[in-house]
Amino acid sequence: MMNAIVFTDYGKFEYTKKPEPELTRADDVKIKILGASICGTDVAILATPQRVPGVPGIILGHECVGEVLETGEAVKALKPGDHVILDNNIPCGVCPNCQTGHSNLCTDMRSMGVHIDGVFAEYAVAPEAQLVKIDAGIPLEESIFAEPLNCVTGAVKKLKVMPGDTALVLGGGPIGLYFATLLSKCGAGKVLVSEVSAFRAKYAYLQGASRVINPKEENLYDEVMCS
Protein backbone atom coordinates (compact mmCIF):
# COMPACT_ATOMS: atom_id res chain seq x y z
CA MET A 1 0.00 0.00 0.00
CA MET A 2 1.06 3.60 -0.52
CA ASN A 3 0.01 7.06 0.63
CA ALA A 4 -2.15 8.97 -1.83
CA ILE A 5 -4.48 11.96 -2.15
CA VAL A 6 -7.81 10.78 -3.54
CA PHE A 7 -10.73 12.78 -4.94
CA THR A 8 -13.71 11.41 -2.99
CA ASP A 9 -16.68 13.64 -3.79
CA TYR A 10 -17.54 17.12 -5.01
CA GLY A 11 -15.29 19.54 -3.18
CA LYS A 12 -13.65 16.78 -1.10
CA PHE A 13 -10.40 14.85 -1.08
CA GLU A 14 -8.81 12.37 1.32
CA TYR A 15 -5.23 11.57 2.30
CA THR A 16 -5.41 7.80 2.47
CA LYS A 17 -3.88 4.48 1.46
CA LYS A 18 -4.16 3.00 -2.04
CA PRO A 19 -2.70 -0.17 -3.53
CA GLU A 20 0.71 0.40 -5.07
CA PRO A 21 0.29 0.39 -8.88
CA GLU A 22 1.72 -2.43 -10.96
CA LEU A 23 2.75 -2.81 -14.58
CA THR A 24 -0.11 -4.20 -16.67
CA ARG A 25 1.02 -3.45 -20.22
CA ALA A 26 4.27 -4.15 -22.03
CA ASP A 27 4.91 -0.41 -22.49
CA ASP A 28 4.16 0.56 -18.88
CA VAL A 29 6.71 2.34 -16.70
CA LYS A 30 6.50 2.51 -12.92
CA ILE A 31 7.94 5.64 -11.33
CA LYS A 32 8.62 6.87 -7.84
CA ILE A 33 7.20 10.36 -7.46
CA LEU A 34 10.03 12.71 -6.47
CA GLY A 35 7.86 15.81 -6.50
CA ALA A 36 4.44 16.99 -7.66
CA SER A 37 2.92 20.43 -8.06
CA ILE A 38 -0.65 21.69 -7.86
CA CYS A 39 -2.26 22.76 -11.15
CA GLY A 40 -5.32 24.92 -11.67
CA THR A 41 -6.98 21.77 -12.98
CA ASP A 42 -6.65 20.16 -9.54
CA VAL A 43 -8.32 23.19 -7.97
CA ALA A 44 -11.07 23.09 -10.61
CA ILE A 45 -11.79 19.41 -9.92
CA LEU A 46 -12.30 20.21 -6.24
CA ALA A 47 -14.37 23.33 -6.87
CA THR A 48 -18.07 23.38 -6.09
CA PRO A 49 -19.54 23.28 -8.66
CA GLN A 50 -16.81 21.43 -10.53
CA ARG A 51 -15.10 23.28 -13.35
CA VAL A 52 -13.28 20.13 -14.51
CA PRO A 53 -15.22 16.84 -14.23
CA GLY A 54 -12.85 14.63 -12.26
CA VAL A 55 -13.88 11.05 -11.52
CA PRO A 56 -14.50 10.26 -7.83
CA GLY A 57 -12.10 7.67 -6.46
CA ILE A 58 -9.08 8.60 -8.61
CA ILE A 59 -5.73 9.78 -7.27
CA LEU A 60 -5.38 13.47 -8.04
CA GLY A 61 -2.45 15.29 -9.63
CA HIS A 62 -0.62 15.23 -12.95
CA GLU A 63 2.39 17.57 -12.73
CA CYS A 64 5.37 15.59 -11.49
CA VAL A 65 9.00 14.56 -11.65
CA GLY A 66 9.66 10.87 -11.13
CA GLU A 67 12.39 8.26 -11.02
CA VAL A 68 11.96 5.10 -13.07
CA LEU A 69 11.72 1.99 -10.90
CA GLU A 70 10.50 -0.70 -13.28
CA THR A 71 9.73 -1.03 -16.98
CA GLY A 72 7.59 -3.31 -19.12
CA GLU A 73 9.21 -5.64 -21.63
CA ALA A 74 8.46 -3.35 -24.60
CA VAL A 75 9.99 -0.23 -23.06
CA LYS A 76 13.08 0.81 -25.01
CA ALA A 77 14.13 4.35 -24.11
CA LEU A 78 13.91 4.29 -20.31
CA LYS A 79 15.63 2.31 -17.58
CA PRO A 80 15.56 2.21 -13.76
CA GLY A 81 17.17 5.28 -12.25
CA ASP A 82 16.19 7.65 -15.06
CA HIS A 83 14.44 10.88 -14.08
CA VAL A 84 11.32 11.68 -16.08
CA ILE A 85 8.54 14.20 -16.51
CA LEU A 86 4.99 13.33 -17.54
CA ASP A 87 2.43 14.18 -20.20
CA ASN A 88 -0.73 13.14 -18.39
CA ASN A 89 -3.04 13.18 -21.43
CA ILE A 90 -3.17 9.66 -22.86
CA PRO A 91 -4.73 9.52 -26.37
CA CYS A 92 -6.53 6.39 -27.54
CA GLY A 93 -4.40 6.08 -30.69
CA VAL A 94 -7.24 4.72 -32.85
CA CYS A 95 -9.84 7.47 -33.29
CA PRO A 96 -9.80 9.50 -36.55
CA ASN A 97 -7.99 12.41 -34.91
CA CYS A 98 -5.26 10.19 -33.50
CA GLN A 99 -4.89 8.36 -36.81
CA THR A 100 -4.39 11.63 -38.69
CA GLY A 101 -1.74 12.95 -36.34
CA HIS A 102 -4.00 15.14 -34.20
CA SER A 103 -3.87 13.20 -30.96
CA ASN A 104 -4.42 16.40 -28.97
CA LEU A 105 -7.99 16.26 -30.31
CA CYS A 106 -8.49 12.61 -29.37
CA THR A 107 -12.17 11.84 -28.84
CA ASP A 108 -11.42 9.28 -26.13
CA MET A 109 -8.62 11.02 -24.22
CA ARG A 110 -7.88 9.81 -20.70
CA SER A 111 -6.10 12.20 -18.36
CA MET A 112 -4.14 11.04 -15.33
CA GLY A 113 -5.37 12.87 -12.26
CA VAL A 114 -8.72 13.61 -13.91
CA HIS A 115 -10.17 10.37 -15.34
CA ILE A 116 -7.66 7.82 -14.06
CA ASP A 117 -5.15 7.71 -11.19
CA GLY A 118 -2.65 10.54 -11.12
CA VAL A 119 0.56 11.39 -9.28
CA PHE A 120 -0.35 12.72 -5.83
CA ALA A 121 1.00 9.47 -4.41
CA GLU A 122 4.26 7.68 -3.75
CA TYR A 123 4.21 5.79 -7.06
CA ALA A 124 2.51 5.93 -10.46
CA VAL A 125 2.42 3.92 -13.68
CA ALA A 126 2.25 5.51 -17.13
CA PRO A 127 2.90 4.44 -20.74
CA GLU A 128 6.46 5.04 -21.96
CA ALA A 129 5.13 7.36 -24.67
CA GLN A 130 3.88 9.77 -21.99
CA LEU A 131 7.25 10.09 -20.24
CA VAL A 132 10.26 12.21 -21.19
CA LYS A 133 13.71 11.61 -19.75
CA ILE A 134 15.43 14.62 -18.19
CA ASP A 135 18.88 15.19 -16.74
CA ALA A 136 18.89 13.92 -13.16
CA GLY A 137 21.03 16.91 -12.22
CA ILE A 138 18.27 19.44 -12.88
CA PRO A 139 17.07 20.72 -9.48
CA LEU A 140 13.64 19.42 -8.54
CA GLU A 141 12.37 22.95 -7.88
CA GLU A 142 13.02 23.72 -11.56
CA SER A 143 12.12 20.47 -13.31
CA ILE A 144 8.76 20.27 -11.53
CA PHE A 145 7.51 23.13 -13.72
CA ALA A 146 8.27 21.45 -17.07
CA GLU A 147 4.62 20.53 -17.74
CA PRO A 148 3.07 24.02 -17.43
CA LEU A 149 6.07 25.55 -19.20
CA ASN A 150 5.53 23.14 -22.09
CA CYS A 151 1.87 24.19 -22.32
CA VAL A 152 2.82 27.86 -22.63
CA THR A 153 5.66 27.12 -25.05
CA GLY A 154 3.18 25.45 -27.39
CA ALA A 155 0.90 28.48 -27.27
CA VAL A 156 3.73 30.96 -27.86
CA LYS A 157 4.89 28.97 -30.91
CA LYS A 158 1.41 29.38 -32.41
CA LEU A 159 1.51 33.16 -31.81
CA LYS A 160 4.62 33.54 -34.02
CA VAL A 161 5.80 36.62 -32.14
CA MET A 162 8.01 38.91 -34.20
CA PRO A 163 10.70 41.25 -32.81
CA GLY A 164 9.09 44.54 -31.82
CA ASP A 165 5.55 43.18 -31.43
CA THR A 166 3.43 44.38 -28.54
CA ALA A 167 1.84 41.55 -26.56
CA LEU A 168 -0.88 41.63 -23.90
CA VAL A 169 -1.11 38.93 -21.22
CA LEU A 170 -4.41 38.75 -19.37
CA GLY A 171 -3.55 37.78 -15.81
CA GLY A 172 -0.25 37.62 -13.93
CA GLY A 173 -0.66 34.23 -12.29
CA PRO A 174 1.82 31.38 -12.80
CA ILE A 175 0.78 30.74 -16.43
CA GLY A 176 0.67 34.45 -17.19
CA LEU A 177 4.21 34.82 -15.86
CA TYR A 178 5.40 32.06 -18.18
CA PHE A 179 3.82 33.95 -21.07
CA ALA A 180 5.48 37.22 -20.03
CA THR A 181 8.85 35.52 -19.83
CA LEU A 182 8.66 33.66 -23.15
CA LEU A 183 7.15 36.58 -25.06
CA SER A 184 9.99 38.77 -23.82
CA LYS A 185 12.57 36.13 -24.79
CA CYS A 186 10.98 35.91 -28.25
CA GLY A 187 11.75 39.56 -28.81
CA ALA A 188 8.43 41.28 -28.16
CA GLY A 189 9.08 45.00 -27.94
CA LYS A 190 6.52 45.47 -25.19
CA VAL A 191 4.91 42.88 -22.95
CA LEU A 192 1.86 44.28 -21.18
CA VAL A 193 0.25 42.36 -18.32
CA SER A 194 -3.27 43.01 -17.05
CA GLU A 195 -3.33 42.22 -13.33
CA VAL A 196 -5.21 43.55 -10.29
CA SER A 197 -2.89 42.09 -7.62
CA ALA A 198 0.07 44.22 -6.55
CA PHE A 199 1.79 41.06 -5.32
CA ARG A 200 1.56 39.43 -8.74
CA ALA A 201 2.44 42.67 -10.51
CA LYS A 202 5.79 42.72 -8.78
CA TYR A 203 6.66 39.30 -10.17
CA ALA A 204 5.35 40.19 -13.61
CA TYR A 205 7.98 42.92 -13.84
CA LEU A 206 10.65 40.48 -12.70
CA GLN A 207 9.59 38.07 -15.46
CA GLY A 208 9.88 40.53 -18.33
CA ALA A 209 6.73 42.65 -18.31
CA SER A 210 7.22 46.14 -19.74
CA ARG A 211 4.18 47.42 -17.90
CA VAL A 212 1.47 46.05 -15.62
CA ILE A 213 -2.01 47.54 -16.02
CA ASN A 214 -4.58 47.29 -13.24
CA PRO A 215 -7.94 47.13 -15.08
CA LYS A 216 -9.76 48.16 -11.88
CA GLU A 217 -7.94 51.48 -11.87
CA GLU A 218 -7.23 52.07 -15.57
CA ASN A 219 -9.08 51.53 -18.84
CA LEU A 220 -7.35 48.47 -20.25
CA TYR A 221 -8.32 49.11 -23.87
CA ASP A 222 -7.11 52.72 -23.82
CA GLU A 223 -3.87 51.86 -22.08
CA VAL A 224 -3.08 49.07 -24.53
CA MET A 225 -3.91 51.15 -27.60
CA CYS A 226 -1.69 54.03 -26.51
CA SER A 227 1.24 51.83 -25.42
C-alpha atoms as a PDB file:
ATOM      1  CA  MET A   1       0.000   0.000   0.000  1.00  0.00           C
ATOM      2  CA  MET A   2       1.060   3.603  -0.524  1.00  0.00           C
ATOM      3  CA  ASN A   3       0.009   7.055   0.635  1.00  0.00           C
ATOM      4  CA  ALA A   4      -2.153   8.973  -1.832  1.00  0.00           C
ATOM      5  CA  ILE A   5      -4.477  11.961  -2.154  1.00  0.00           C
ATOM      6  CA  VAL A   6      -7.813  10.783  -3.545  1.00  0.00           C
ATOM      7  CA  PHE A   7     -10.730  12.780  -4.936  1.00  0.00           C
ATOM      8  CA  THR A   8     -13.707  11.412  -2.989  1.00  0.00           C
ATOM      9  CA  ASP A   9     -16.681  13.636  -3.791  1.00  0.00           C
ATOM     10  CA  TYR A  10     -17.541  17.121  -5.012  1.00  0.00           C
ATOM     11  CA  GLY A  11     -15.286  19.537  -3.178  1.00  0.00           C
ATOM     12  CA  LYS A  12     -13.650  16.781  -1.099  1.00  0.00           C
ATOM     13  CA  PHE A  13     -10.397  14.848  -1.079  1.00  0.00           C
ATOM     14  CA  GLU A  14      -8.814  12.372   1.322  1.00  0.00           C
ATOM     15  CA  TYR A  15      -5.229  11.574   2.302  1.00  0.00           C
ATOM     16  CA  THR A  16      -5.409   7.800   2.467  1.00  0.00           C
ATOM     17  CA  LYS A  17      -3.879   4.479   1.464  1.00  0.00           C
ATOM     18  CA  LYS A  18      -4.160   2.998  -2.040  1.00  0.00           C
ATOM     19  CA  PRO A  19      -2.697  -0.166  -3.534  1.00  0.00           C
ATOM     20  CA  GLU A  20       0.713   0.398  -5.071  1.00  0.00           C
ATOM     21  CA  PRO A  21       0.286   0.390  -8.878  1.00  0.00           C
ATOM     22  CA  GLU A  22       1.723  -2.431 -10.961  1.00  0.00           C
ATOM     23  CA  LEU A  23       2.754  -2.813 -14.584  1.00  0.00           C
ATOM     24  CA  THR A  24      -0.115  -4.201 -16.669  1.00  0.00           C
ATOM     25  CA  ARG A  25       1.024  -3.452 -20.224  1.00  0.00           C
ATOM     26  CA  ALA A  26       4.267  -4.148 -22.025  1.00  0.00           C
ATOM     27  CA  ASP A  27       4.914  -0.405 -22.490  1.00  0.00           C
ATOM     28  CA  ASP A  28       4.165   0.558 -18.877  1.00  0.00           C
ATOM     29  CA  VAL A  29       6.706   2.341 -16.700  1.00  0.00           C
ATOM     30  CA  LYS A  30       6.503   2.506 -12.922  1.00  0.00           C
ATOM     31  CA  ILE A  31       7.942   5.641 -11.331  1.00  0.00           C
ATOM     32  CA  LYS A  32       8.623   6.873  -7.838  1.00  0.00           C
ATOM     33  CA  ILE A  33       7.198  10.361  -7.459  1.00  0.00           C
ATOM     34  CA  LEU A  34      10.029  12.715  -6.472  1.00  0.00           C
ATOM     35  CA  GLY A  35       7.863  15.810  -6.502  1.00  0.00           C
ATOM     36  CA  ALA A  36       4.436  16.988  -7.659  1.00  0.00           C
ATOM     37  CA  SER A  37       2.919  20.427  -8.059  1.00  0.00           C
ATOM     38  CA  ILE A  38      -0.653  21.695  -7.864  1.00  0.00           C
ATOM     39  CA  CYS A  39      -2.260  22.759 -11.152  1.00  0.00           C
ATOM     40  CA  GLY A  40      -5.317  24.925 -11.675  1.00  0.00           C
ATOM     41  CA  THR A  41      -6.983  21.775 -12.981  1.00  0.00           C
ATOM     42  CA  ASP A  42      -6.646  20.161  -9.544  1.00  0.00           C
ATOM     43  CA  VAL A  43      -8.317  23.192  -7.972  1.00  0.00           C
ATOM     44  CA  ALA A  44     -11.070  23.093 -10.611  1.00  0.00           C
ATOM     45  CA  ILE A  45     -11.787  19.415  -9.915  1.00  0.00           C
ATOM     46  CA  LEU A  46     -12.295  20.214  -6.237  1.00  0.00           C
ATOM     47  CA  ALA A  47     -14.372  23.333  -6.870  1.00  0.00           C
ATOM     48  CA  THR A  48     -18.072  23.379  -6.087  1.00  0.00           C
ATOM     49  CA  PRO A  49     -19.536  23.278  -8.659  1.00  0.00           C
ATOM     50  CA  GLN A  50     -16.811  21.428 -10.526  1.00  0.00           C
ATOM     51  CA  ARG A  51     -15.098  23.285 -13.354  1.00  0.00           C
ATOM     52  CA  VAL A  52     -13.276  20.132 -14.512  1.00  0.00           C
ATOM     53  CA  PRO A  53     -15.222  16.839 -14.230  1.00  0.00           C
ATOM     54  CA  GLY A  54     -12.854  14.630 -12.261  1.00  0.00           C
ATOM     55  CA  VAL A  55     -13.883  11.051 -11.521  1.00  0.00           C
ATOM     56  CA  PRO A  56     -14.501  10.265  -7.832  1.00  0.00           C
ATOM     57  CA  GLY A  57     -12.097   7.669  -6.457  1.00  0.00           C
ATOM     58  CA  ILE A  58      -9.079   8.596  -8.609  1.00  0.00           C
ATOM     59  CA  ILE A  59      -5.729   9.783  -7.273  1.00  0.00           C
ATOM     60  CA  LEU A  60      -5.384  13.472  -8.035  1.00  0.00           C
ATOM     61  CA  GLY A  61      -2.446  15.292  -9.632  1.00  0.00           C
ATOM     62  CA  HIS A  62      -0.621  15.235 -12.946  1.00  0.00           C
ATOM     63  CA  GLU A  63       2.394  17.574 -12.731  1.00  0.00           C
ATOM     64  CA  CYS A  64       5.371  15.588 -11.487  1.00  0.00           C
ATOM     65  CA  VAL A  65       8.998  14.557 -11.647  1.00  0.00           C
ATOM     66  CA  GLY A  66       9.656  10.869 -11.127  1.00  0.00           C
ATOM     67  CA  GLU A  67      12.391   8.258 -11.020  1.00  0.00           C
ATOM     68  CA  VAL A  68      11.960   5.097 -13.075  1.00  0.00           C
ATOM     69  CA  LEU A  69      11.724   1.986 -10.897  1.00  0.00           C
ATOM     70  CA  GLU A  70      10.501  -0.703 -13.282  1.00  0.00           C
ATOM     71  CA  THR A  71       9.726  -1.033 -16.981  1.00  0.00           C
ATOM     72  CA  GLY A  72       7.590  -3.311 -19.125  1.00  0.00           C
ATOM     73  CA  GLU A  73       9.215  -5.644 -21.633  1.00  0.00           C
ATOM     74  CA  ALA A  74       8.458  -3.354 -24.600  1.00  0.00           C
ATOM     75  CA  VAL A  75       9.994  -0.225 -23.056  1.00  0.00           C
ATOM     76  CA  LYS A  76      13.079   0.813 -25.014  1.00  0.00           C
ATOM     77  CA  ALA A  77      14.125   4.354 -24.106  1.00  0.00           C
ATOM     78  CA  LEU A  78      13.907   4.290 -20.309  1.00  0.00           C
ATOM     79  CA  LYS A  79      15.631   2.308 -17.585  1.00  0.00           C
ATOM     80  CA  PRO A  80      15.556   2.207 -13.761  1.00  0.00           C
ATOM     81  CA  GLY A  81      17.166   5.285 -12.253  1.00  0.00           C
ATOM     82  CA  ASP A  82      16.193   7.652 -15.064  1.00  0.00           C
ATOM     83  CA  HIS A  83      14.443  10.877 -14.078  1.00  0.00           C
ATOM     84  CA  VAL A  84      11.318  11.680 -16.085  1.00  0.00           C
ATOM     85  CA  ILE A  85       8.541  14.201 -16.507  1.00  0.00           C
ATOM     86  CA  LEU A  86       4.991  13.329 -17.544  1.00  0.00           C
ATOM     87  CA  ASP A  87       2.427  14.183 -20.197  1.00  0.00           C
ATOM     88  CA  ASN A  88      -0.733  13.136 -18.387  1.00  0.00           C
ATOM     89  CA  ASN A  89      -3.037  13.178 -21.431  1.00  0.00           C
ATOM     90  CA  ILE A  90      -3.171   9.659 -22.865  1.00  0.00           C
ATOM     91  CA  PRO A  91      -4.727   9.516 -26.369  1.00  0.00           C
ATOM     92  CA  CYS A  92      -6.527   6.394 -27.536  1.00  0.00           C
ATOM     93  CA  GLY A  93      -4.399   6.084 -30.695  1.00  0.00           C
ATOM     94  CA  VAL A  94      -7.236   4.721 -32.845  1.00  0.00           C
ATOM     95  CA  CYS A  95      -9.840   7.472 -33.293  1.00  0.00           C
ATOM     96  CA  PRO A  96      -9.798   9.495 -36.555  1.00  0.00           C
ATOM     97  CA  ASN A  97      -7.985  12.414 -34.913  1.00  0.00           C
ATOM     98  CA  CYS A  98      -5.257  10.192 -33.500  1.00  0.00           C
ATOM     99  CA  GLN A  99      -4.892   8.361 -36.806  1.00  0.00           C
ATOM    100  CA  THR A 100      -4.394  11.630 -38.695  1.00  0.00           C
ATOM    101  CA  GLY A 101      -1.742  12.955 -36.341  1.00  0.00           C
ATOM    102  CA  HIS A 102      -4.002  15.141 -34.200  1.00  0.00           C
ATOM    103  CA  SER A 103      -3.869  13.197 -30.960  1.00  0.00           C
ATOM    104  CA  ASN A 104      -4.420  16.403 -28.968  1.00  0.00           C
ATOM    105  CA  LEU A 105      -7.990  16.261 -30.312  1.00  0.00           C
ATOM    106  CA  CYS A 106      -8.490  12.606 -29.370  1.00  0.00           C
ATOM    107  CA  THR A 107     -12.173  11.840 -28.843  1.00  0.00           C
ATOM    108  CA  ASP A 108     -11.417   9.278 -26.131  1.00  0.00           C
ATOM    109  CA  MET A 109      -8.617  11.022 -24.224  1.00  0.00           C
ATOM    110  CA  ARG A 110      -7.881   9.809 -20.699  1.00  0.00           C
ATOM    111  CA  SER A 111      -6.102  12.197 -18.364  1.00  0.00           C
ATOM    112  CA  MET A 112      -4.138  11.036 -15.328  1.00  0.00           C
ATOM    113  CA  GLY A 113      -5.369  12.868 -12.260  1.00  0.00           C
ATOM    114  CA  VAL A 114      -8.722  13.606 -13.912  1.00  0.00           C
ATOM    115  CA  HIS A 115     -10.173  10.374 -15.343  1.00  0.00           C
ATOM    116  CA  ILE A 116      -7.657   7.821 -14.062  1.00  0.00           C
ATOM    117  CA  ASP A 117      -5.154   7.713 -11.191  1.00  0.00           C
ATOM    118  CA  GLY A 118      -2.648  10.540 -11.118  1.00  0.00           C
ATOM    119  CA  VAL A 119       0.556  11.393  -9.278  1.00  0.00           C
ATOM    120  CA  PHE A 120      -0.352  12.722  -5.832  1.00  0.00           C
ATOM    121  CA  ALA A 121       0.999   9.472  -4.406  1.00  0.00           C
ATOM    122  CA  GLU A 122       4.257   7.681  -3.748  1.00  0.00           C
ATOM    123  CA  TYR A 123       4.213   5.786  -7.058  1.00  0.00           C
ATOM    124  CA  ALA A 124       2.514   5.935 -10.459  1.00  0.00           C
ATOM    125  CA  VAL A 125       2.420   3.923 -13.678  1.00  0.00           C
ATOM    126  CA  ALA A 126       2.248   5.507 -17.127  1.00  0.00           C
ATOM    127  CA  PRO A 127       2.904   4.444 -20.742  1.00  0.00           C
ATOM    128  CA  GLU A 128       6.458   5.037 -21.958  1.00  0.00           C
ATOM    129  CA  ALA A 129       5.129   7.359 -24.669  1.00  0.00           C
ATOM    130  CA  GLN A 130       3.882   9.769 -21.986  1.00  0.00           C
ATOM    131  CA  LEU A 131       7.252  10.086 -20.241  1.00  0.00           C
ATOM    132  CA  VAL A 132      10.255  12.215 -21.189  1.00  0.00           C
ATOM    133  CA  LYS A 133      13.710  11.605 -19.754  1.00  0.00           C
ATOM    134  CA  ILE A 134      15.425  14.615 -18.193  1.00  0.00           C
ATOM    135  CA  ASP A 135      18.876  15.194 -16.736  1.00  0.00           C
ATOM    136  CA  ALA A 136      18.892  13.915 -13.164  1.00  0.00           C
ATOM    137  CA  GLY A 137      21.035  16.913 -12.221  1.00  0.00           C
ATOM    138  CA  ILE A 138      18.267  19.438 -12.879  1.00  0.00           C
ATOM    139  CA  PRO A 139      17.074  20.723  -9.485  1.00  0.00           C
ATOM    140  CA  LEU A 140      13.640  19.424  -8.544  1.00  0.00           C
ATOM    141  CA  GLU A 141      12.367  22.953  -7.879  1.00  0.00           C
ATOM    142  CA  GLU A 142      13.021  23.720 -11.559  1.00  0.00           C
ATOM    143  CA  SER A 143      12.125  20.467 -13.306  1.00  0.00           C
ATOM    144  CA  ILE A 144       8.764  20.268 -11.531  1.00  0.00           C
ATOM    145  CA  PHE A 145       7.508  23.125 -13.723  1.00  0.00           C
ATOM    146  CA  ALA A 146       8.266  21.449 -17.069  1.00  0.00           C
ATOM    147  CA  GLU A 147       4.619  20.534 -17.742  1.00  0.00           C
ATOM    148  CA  PRO A 148       3.072  24.020 -17.429  1.00  0.00           C
ATOM    149  CA  LEU A 149       6.075  25.553 -19.200  1.00  0.00           C
ATOM    150  CA  ASN A 150       5.528  23.144 -22.089  1.00  0.00           C
ATOM    151  CA  CYS A 151       1.869  24.191 -22.320  1.00  0.00           C
ATOM    152  CA  VAL A 152       2.817  27.861 -22.628  1.00  0.00           C
ATOM    153  CA  THR A 153       5.655  27.124 -25.055  1.00  0.00           C
ATOM    154  CA  GLY A 154       3.176  25.446 -27.388  1.00  0.00           C
ATOM    155  CA  ALA A 155       0.895  28.481 -27.273  1.00  0.00           C
ATOM    156  CA  VAL A 156       3.732  30.958 -27.863  1.00  0.00           C
ATOM    157  CA  LYS A 157       4.891  28.972 -30.911  1.00  0.00           C
ATOM    158  CA  LYS A 158       1.412  29.381 -32.413  1.00  0.00           C
ATOM    159  CA  LEU A 159       1.515  33.160 -31.813  1.00  0.00           C
ATOM    160  CA  LYS A 160       4.615  33.543 -34.021  1.00  0.00           C
ATOM    161  CA  VAL A 161       5.798  36.617 -32.141  1.00  0.00           C
ATOM    162  CA  MET A 162       8.008  38.913 -34.200  1.00  0.00           C
ATOM    163  CA  PRO A 163      10.696  41.255 -32.814  1.00  0.00           C
ATOM    164  CA  GLY A 164       9.094  44.536 -31.825  1.00  0.00           C
ATOM    165  CA  ASP A 165       5.554  43.183 -31.428  1.00  0.00           C
ATOM    166  CA  THR A 166       3.429  44.382 -28.536  1.00  0.00           C
ATOM    167  CA  ALA A 167       1.841  41.553 -26.555  1.00  0.00           C
ATOM    168  CA  LEU A 168      -0.880  41.625 -23.904  1.00  0.00           C
ATOM    169  CA  VAL A 169      -1.108  38.934 -21.220  1.00  0.00           C
ATOM    170  CA  LEU A 170      -4.410  38.755 -19.366  1.00  0.00           C
ATOM    171  CA  GLY A 171      -3.546  37.782 -15.808  1.00  0.00           C
ATOM    172  CA  GLY A 172      -0.249  37.620 -13.934  1.00  0.00           C
ATOM    173  CA  GLY A 173      -0.661  34.228 -12.286  1.00  0.00           C
ATOM    174  CA  PRO A 174       1.822  31.383 -12.805  1.00  0.00           C
ATOM    175  CA  ILE A 175       0.783  30.737 -16.431  1.00  0.00           C
ATOM    176  CA  GLY A 176       0.667  34.451 -17.190  1.00  0.00           C
ATOM    177  CA  LEU A 177       4.210  34.824 -15.859  1.00  0.00           C
ATOM    178  CA  TYR A 178       5.397  32.065 -18.182  1.00  0.00           C
ATOM    179  CA  PHE A 179       3.824  33.949 -21.073  1.00  0.00           C
ATOM    180  CA  ALA A 180       5.477  37.217 -20.031  1.00  0.00           C
ATOM    181  CA  THR A 181       8.852  35.517 -19.831  1.00  0.00           C
ATOM    182  CA  LEU A 182       8.659  33.663 -23.151  1.00  0.00           C
ATOM    183  CA  LEU A 183       7.155  36.583 -25.064  1.00  0.00           C
ATOM    184  CA  SER A 184       9.988  38.774 -23.821  1.00  0.00           C
ATOM    185  CA  LYS A 185      12.569  36.132 -24.787  1.00  0.00           C
ATOM    186  CA  CYS A 186      10.980  35.906 -28.250  1.00  0.00           C
ATOM    187  CA  GLY A 187      11.749  39.564 -28.812  1.00  0.00           C
ATOM    188  CA  ALA A 188       8.433  41.276 -28.164  1.00  0.00           C
ATOM    189  CA  GLY A 189       9.080  45.001 -27.940  1.00  0.00           C
ATOM    190  CA  LYS A 190       6.516  45.474 -25.191  1.00  0.00           C
ATOM    191  CA  VAL A 191       4.910  42.881 -22.946  1.00  0.00           C
ATOM    192  CA  LEU A 192       1.861  44.282 -21.181  1.00  0.00           C
ATOM    193  CA  VAL A 193       0.248  42.364 -18.317  1.00  0.00           C
ATOM    194  CA  SER A 194      -3.272  43.011 -17.047  1.00  0.00           C
ATOM    195  CA  GLU A 195      -3.331  42.217 -13.327  1.00  0.00           C
ATOM    196  CA  VAL A 196      -5.208  43.550 -10.288  1.00  0.00           C
ATOM    197  CA  SER A 197      -2.893  42.087  -7.621  1.00  0.00           C
ATOM    198  CA  ALA A 198       0.067  44.224  -6.547  1.00  0.00           C
ATOM    199  CA  PHE A 199       1.787  41.056  -5.323  1.00  0.00           C
ATOM    200  CA  ARG A 200       1.561  39.426  -8.738  1.00  0.00           C
ATOM    201  CA  ALA A 201       2.436  42.674 -10.513  1.00  0.00           C
ATOM    202  CA  LYS A 202       5.791  42.718  -8.777  1.00  0.00           C
ATOM    203  CA  TYR A 203       6.662  39.302 -10.167  1.00  0.00           C
ATOM    204  CA  ALA A 204       5.348  40.193 -13.614  1.00  0.00           C
ATOM    205  CA  TYR A 205       7.977  42.922 -13.844  1.00  0.00           C
ATOM    206  CA  LEU A 206      10.646  40.484 -12.698  1.00  0.00           C
ATOM    207  CA  GLN A 207       9.588  38.072 -15.462  1.00  0.00           C
ATOM    208  CA  GLY A 208       9.877  40.530 -18.331  1.00  0.00           C
ATOM    209  CA  ALA A 209       6.728  42.649 -18.308  1.00  0.00           C
ATOM    210  CA  SER A 210       7.221  46.140 -19.741  1.00  0.00           C
ATOM    211  CA  ARG A 211       4.184  47.418 -17.902  1.00  0.00           C
ATOM    212  CA  VAL A 212       1.474  46.049 -15.624  1.00  0.00           C
ATOM    213  CA  ILE A 213      -2.015  47.541 -16.024  1.00  0.00           C
ATOM    214  CA  ASN A 214      -4.583  47.292 -13.244  1.00  0.00           C
ATOM    215  CA  PRO A 215      -7.939  47.132 -15.076  1.00  0.00           C
ATOM    216  CA  LYS A 216      -9.761  48.156 -11.884  1.00  0.00           C
ATOM    217  CA  GLU A 217      -7.936  51.484 -11.875  1.00  0.00           C
ATOM    218  CA  GLU A 218      -7.229  52.074 -15.575  1.00  0.00           C
ATOM    219  CA  ASN A 219      -9.084  51.532 -18.845  1.00  0.00           C
ATOM    220  CA  LEU A 220      -7.349  48.469 -20.246  1.00  0.00           C
ATOM    221  CA  TYR A 221      -8.324  49.110 -23.872  1.00  0.00           C
ATOM    222  CA  ASP A 222      -7.115  52.717 -23.818  1.00  0.00           C
ATOM    223  CA  GLU A 223      -3.871  51.859 -22.076  1.00  0.00           C
ATOM    224  CA  VAL A 224      -3.076  49.065 -24.533  1.00  0.00           C
ATOM    225  CA  MET A 225      -3.906  51.149 -27.598  1.00  0.00           C
ATOM    226  CA  CYS A 226      -1.685  54.031 -26.512  1.00  0.00           C
ATOM    227  CA  SER A 227       1.236  51.834 -25.419  1.00  0.00           C
END
